[in-house]
């Protein structure tokens, strides 16, 4: 199957325009929105520039690109699907990655709302919420236990593609992550927040 690579920065409007134009040209039927970045450490005014980058990538750029893709998909005469990668961090809260977690909560909430708005249009949207994944971003998170408990990248990607193909509105990969999500729904929020901070080295 042929593959086209588009070099673009999601934070820049020119990059988003470039991606959307290629999607329209190729008559794409599915999109898996994965771009994201994080900031690790105590919340601090000295990190303002980094927080701005996280917000520009995970919220502002994401929202604009998503809107462009949905507009294109709604004009096409065939069904299409969009899955946005959120995170378990967006379903609870993550001390020491607070801005990242908040940005992923935005993604999850937006996709839930749009799944209702777009019902019956032929465009399905959903969010995919993994826990820790064995990536370079996880390596930068300074976790106490290293790679322990992190999901293999290929396994996680397979779950994401499954969610996209089967047009799921919300998907969590792996039994461990699913149990973590369920526990976060029933345990006191204050306890969940403290537990979420355990893997991180305190500054």
Protein backbone atom coordinates (compact mmCIF):
# COMPACT_ATOMS: atom_id res chain seq x y z
CA UNK A 1 0.00 0.00 0.00
CA UNK A 2 1.49 3.41 -0.97
CA UNK A 3 2.37 5.85 1.79
CA UNK A 4 2.73 9.62 1.62
CA UNK A 5 4.66 11.55 4.25
CA UNK A 6 3.63 15.14 4.98
CA UNK A 7 6.08 17.23 6.97
CA UNK A 8 4.04 19.73 8.99
CA UNK A 9 3.91 21.32 12.43
CA UNK A 10 0.46 20.97 14.00
CA UNK A 11 1.10 24.08 16.12
CA UNK A 12 1.29 26.25 12.99
CA UNK A 13 -1.76 27.12 10.90
CA UNK A 14 0.27 26.52 7.72
CA UNK A 15 1.00 22.99 8.92
CA UNK A 16 -2.64 22.27 9.63
CA UNK A 17 -3.68 23.68 6.26
CA UNK A 18 -1.09 21.46 4.58
CA UNK A 19 -2.38 18.32 6.34
CA UNK A 20 -6.04 19.12 5.61
CA UNK A 21 -5.33 19.82 1.94
CA UNK A 22 -3.63 16.45 1.51
CA UNK A 23 -6.48 14.67 3.33
CA UNK A 24 -8.98 16.23 0.93
CA UNK A 25 -6.83 15.42 -2.09
CA UNK A 26 -6.42 11.75 -1.16
CA UNK A 27 -10.07 11.32 -0.10
CA UNK A 28 -8.98 9.87 3.22
CA UNK A 29 -11.65 7.91 5.10
CA UNK A 30 -10.05 7.67 8.56
CA UNK A 31 -7.80 9.76 10.78
CA UNK A 32 -5.90 8.81 13.92
CA UNK A 33 -4.82 12.02 15.66
CA UNK A 34 -1.78 11.23 17.77
CA UNK A 35 0.27 14.42 18.04
CA UNK A 36 0.93 15.47 21.62
CA UNK A 37 3.59 16.61 24.03
CA UNK A 38 4.04 16.86 27.79
CA UNK A 39 5.81 18.78 30.51
CA UNK A 40 7.05 16.99 33.62
CA UNK A 41 7.70 18.53 37.03
CA UNK A 42 6.06 20.72 39.62
CA UNK A 43 3.72 23.40 38.30
CA UNK A 44 5.84 26.54 38.11
CA UNK A 45 5.67 29.96 36.47
CA UNK A 46 9.14 29.35 35.04
CA UNK A 47 7.67 26.71 32.76
CA UNK A 48 5.22 29.07 31.06
CA UNK A 49 6.81 28.71 27.62
CA UNK A 50 6.69 24.92 27.83
CA UNK A 51 3.06 24.98 28.97
CA UNK A 52 2.23 27.19 26.00
CA UNK A 53 3.78 24.59 23.66
CA UNK A 54 1.74 21.81 25.28
CA UNK A 55 -1.47 23.81 24.94
CA UNK A 56 -0.70 24.87 21.36
CA UNK A 57 -0.08 21.25 20.35
CA UNK A 58 -2.57 19.30 22.46
CA UNK A 59 -5.47 21.76 22.43
CA UNK A 60 -5.29 24.65 19.97
CA UNK A 61 -3.61 22.91 17.04
CA UNK A 62 -5.54 19.72 17.68
CA UNK A 63 -8.91 21.51 17.74
CA UNK A 64 -8.31 23.42 14.52
CA UNK A 65 -7.03 20.36 12.65
CA UNK A 66 -9.93 18.26 13.93
CA UNK A 67 -12.44 20.88 12.76
CA UNK A 68 -10.84 20.97 9.31
CA UNK A 69 -10.88 17.18 8.98
CA UNK A 70 -14.49 16.86 10.10
CA UNK A 71 -15.53 19.52 7.58
CA UNK A 72 -13.80 17.55 4.82
CA UNK A 73 -15.24 14.21 5.93
CA UNK A 74 -18.79 15.57 6.10
CA UNK A 75 -18.60 16.56 2.43
CA UNK A 76 -17.49 13.10 1.30
CA UNK A 77 -20.10 10.59 0.09
CA UNK A 78 -18.76 7.75 2.23
CA UNK A 79 -18.45 7.04 5.94
CA UNK A 80 -15.34 8.14 7.82
CA UNK A 81 -13.88 7.83 11.28
CA UNK A 82 -11.69 9.94 13.56
CA UNK A 83 -9.98 8.73 16.72
CA UNK A 84 -8.04 11.18 18.89
CA UNK A 85 -5.45 9.86 21.32
CA UNK A 86 -6.26 11.11 24.80
CA UNK A 87 -4.86 9.47 27.94
CA UNK A 88 -5.87 7.94 31.24
CA UNK A 89 -4.26 11.12 32.57
CA UNK A 90 -7.24 12.98 31.11
CA UNK A 91 -9.69 10.77 32.96
CA UNK A 92 -8.23 11.45 36.41
CA UNK A 93 -5.47 13.96 37.04
CA UNK A 94 -1.70 13.63 37.02
CA UNK A 95 0.35 15.54 39.59
CA UNK A 96 3.73 16.54 38.08
CA UNK A 97 2.21 16.37 34.60
CA UNK A 98 -0.72 18.60 35.43
CA UNK A 99 -0.93 20.65 32.22
CA UNK A 100 -0.59 17.54 30.07
CA UNK A 101 -3.37 15.78 32.00
CA UNK A 102 -5.62 18.82 31.71
CA UNK A 103 -5.01 19.00 27.95
CA UNK A 104 -5.96 15.35 27.56
CA UNK A 105 -9.12 15.88 29.62
CA UNK A 106 -10.01 18.51 27.04
CA UNK A 107 -9.51 15.99 24.21
CA UNK A 108 -11.71 13.35 25.88
CA UNK A 109 -14.48 15.81 26.70
CA UNK A 110 -14.50 17.32 23.23
CA UNK A 111 -14.65 13.97 21.48
CA UNK A 112 -17.50 12.76 23.69
CA UNK A 113 -19.53 15.84 22.80
CA UNK A 114 -18.77 15.57 19.09
CA UNK A 115 -19.70 11.88 19.01
CA UNK A 116 -23.24 13.00 19.86
CA UNK A 117 -23.25 16.04 17.57
CA UNK A 118 -22.12 13.98 14.58
CA UNK A 119 -24.41 11.00 15.12
CA UNK A 120 -26.13 10.15 11.84
CA UNK A 121 -23.75 12.18 9.67
CA UNK A 122 -21.55 9.30 8.55
CA UNK A 123 -18.61 10.74 10.50
CA UNK A 124 -17.83 8.89 13.72
CA UNK A 125 -15.44 10.32 16.29
CA UNK A 126 -13.98 8.91 19.47
CA UNK A 127 -11.12 9.05 21.92
CA UNK A 128 -8.47 6.48 22.75
CA UNK A 129 -7.13 6.64 26.30
CA UNK A 130 -4.01 4.56 26.97
CA UNK A 131 -2.01 4.62 30.17
CA UNK A 132 1.77 4.76 30.12
CA UNK A 133 3.37 3.71 26.82
CA UNK A 134 7.01 2.73 26.36
CA UNK A 135 7.98 5.77 24.29
CA UNK A 136 10.58 8.53 24.41
CA UNK A 137 7.97 10.75 26.08
CA UNK A 138 7.63 8.25 28.92
CA UNK A 139 11.40 8.13 29.25
CA UNK A 140 11.41 11.91 29.80
CA UNK A 141 8.83 11.57 32.59
CA UNK A 142 11.46 10.49 35.17
CA UNK A 143 9.38 7.61 36.48
CA UNK A 144 10.58 5.85 39.65
CA UNK A 145 10.09 2.38 38.22
CA UNK A 146 11.43 2.99 34.74
CA UNK A 147 9.58 1.01 32.05
CA UNK A 148 7.67 -1.16 34.53
CA UNK A 149 3.96 -1.14 33.71
CA UNK A 150 4.38 0.68 30.38
CA UNK A 151 2.55 -0.78 27.38
CA UNK A 152 4.53 -1.85 24.33
CA UNK A 153 4.22 0.69 21.51
CA UNK A 154 3.18 -1.79 18.81
CA UNK A 155 0.54 -3.37 21.05
CA UNK A 156 -0.90 0.03 21.90
CA UNK A 157 -0.91 1.06 18.24
CA UNK A 158 -2.81 -2.11 17.33
CA UNK A 159 -5.48 -1.26 19.91
CA UNK A 160 -5.73 2.29 18.50
CA UNK A 161 -6.20 1.03 14.94
CA UNK A 162 -8.87 -1.40 16.17
CA UNK A 163 -10.74 1.51 17.79
CA UNK A 164 -10.51 3.46 14.54
CA UNK A 165 -11.67 0.59 12.31
CA UNK A 166 -14.58 -0.30 14.59
CA UNK A 167 -15.55 3.35 15.09
CA UNK A 168 -15.46 3.21 18.88
CA UNK A 169 -16.49 6.36 20.77
CA UNK A 170 -14.19 5.58 23.72
CA UNK A 171 -11.52 2.92 24.09
CA UNK A 172 -8.95 2.02 26.75
CA UNK A 173 -6.30 -0.54 25.75
CA UNK A 174 -5.34 -3.37 28.08
CA UNK A 175 -6.96 -4.94 31.12
CA UNK A 176 -4.65 -3.13 33.55
CA UNK A 177 -5.58 0.26 32.14
CA UNK A 178 -9.26 -0.62 32.11
CA UNK A 179 -9.12 -1.64 35.77
CA UNK A 180 -7.26 1.58 36.60
CA UNK A 181 -10.00 3.58 34.87
CA UNK A 182 -12.77 1.74 36.72
CA UNK A 183 -10.99 2.25 40.06
CA UNK A 184 -10.71 5.97 39.33
CA UNK A 185 -14.50 6.10 38.92
CA UNK A 186 -15.30 4.53 42.30
CA UNK A 187 -12.47 5.59 44.64
CA UNK A 188 -12.46 9.04 46.30
CA UNK A 189 -10.98 11.62 43.95
CA UNK A 190 -8.44 12.79 46.54
CA UNK A 191 -7.12 9.23 46.87
CA UNK A 192 -6.95 8.77 43.09
CA UNK A 193 -4.92 11.96 42.78
CA UNK A 194 -2.41 10.81 45.40
CA UNK A 195 -2.07 7.40 43.78
CA UNK A 196 -1.49 9.01 40.38
CA UNK A 197 1.50 10.89 41.80
CA UNK A 198 3.25 7.75 43.08
CA UNK A 199 5.22 6.82 39.91
CA UNK A 200 6.91 10.23 39.72
CA UNK A 201 10.10 11.27 41.42
CA UNK A 202 9.38 14.28 43.60
CA UNK A 203 11.34 17.38 42.53
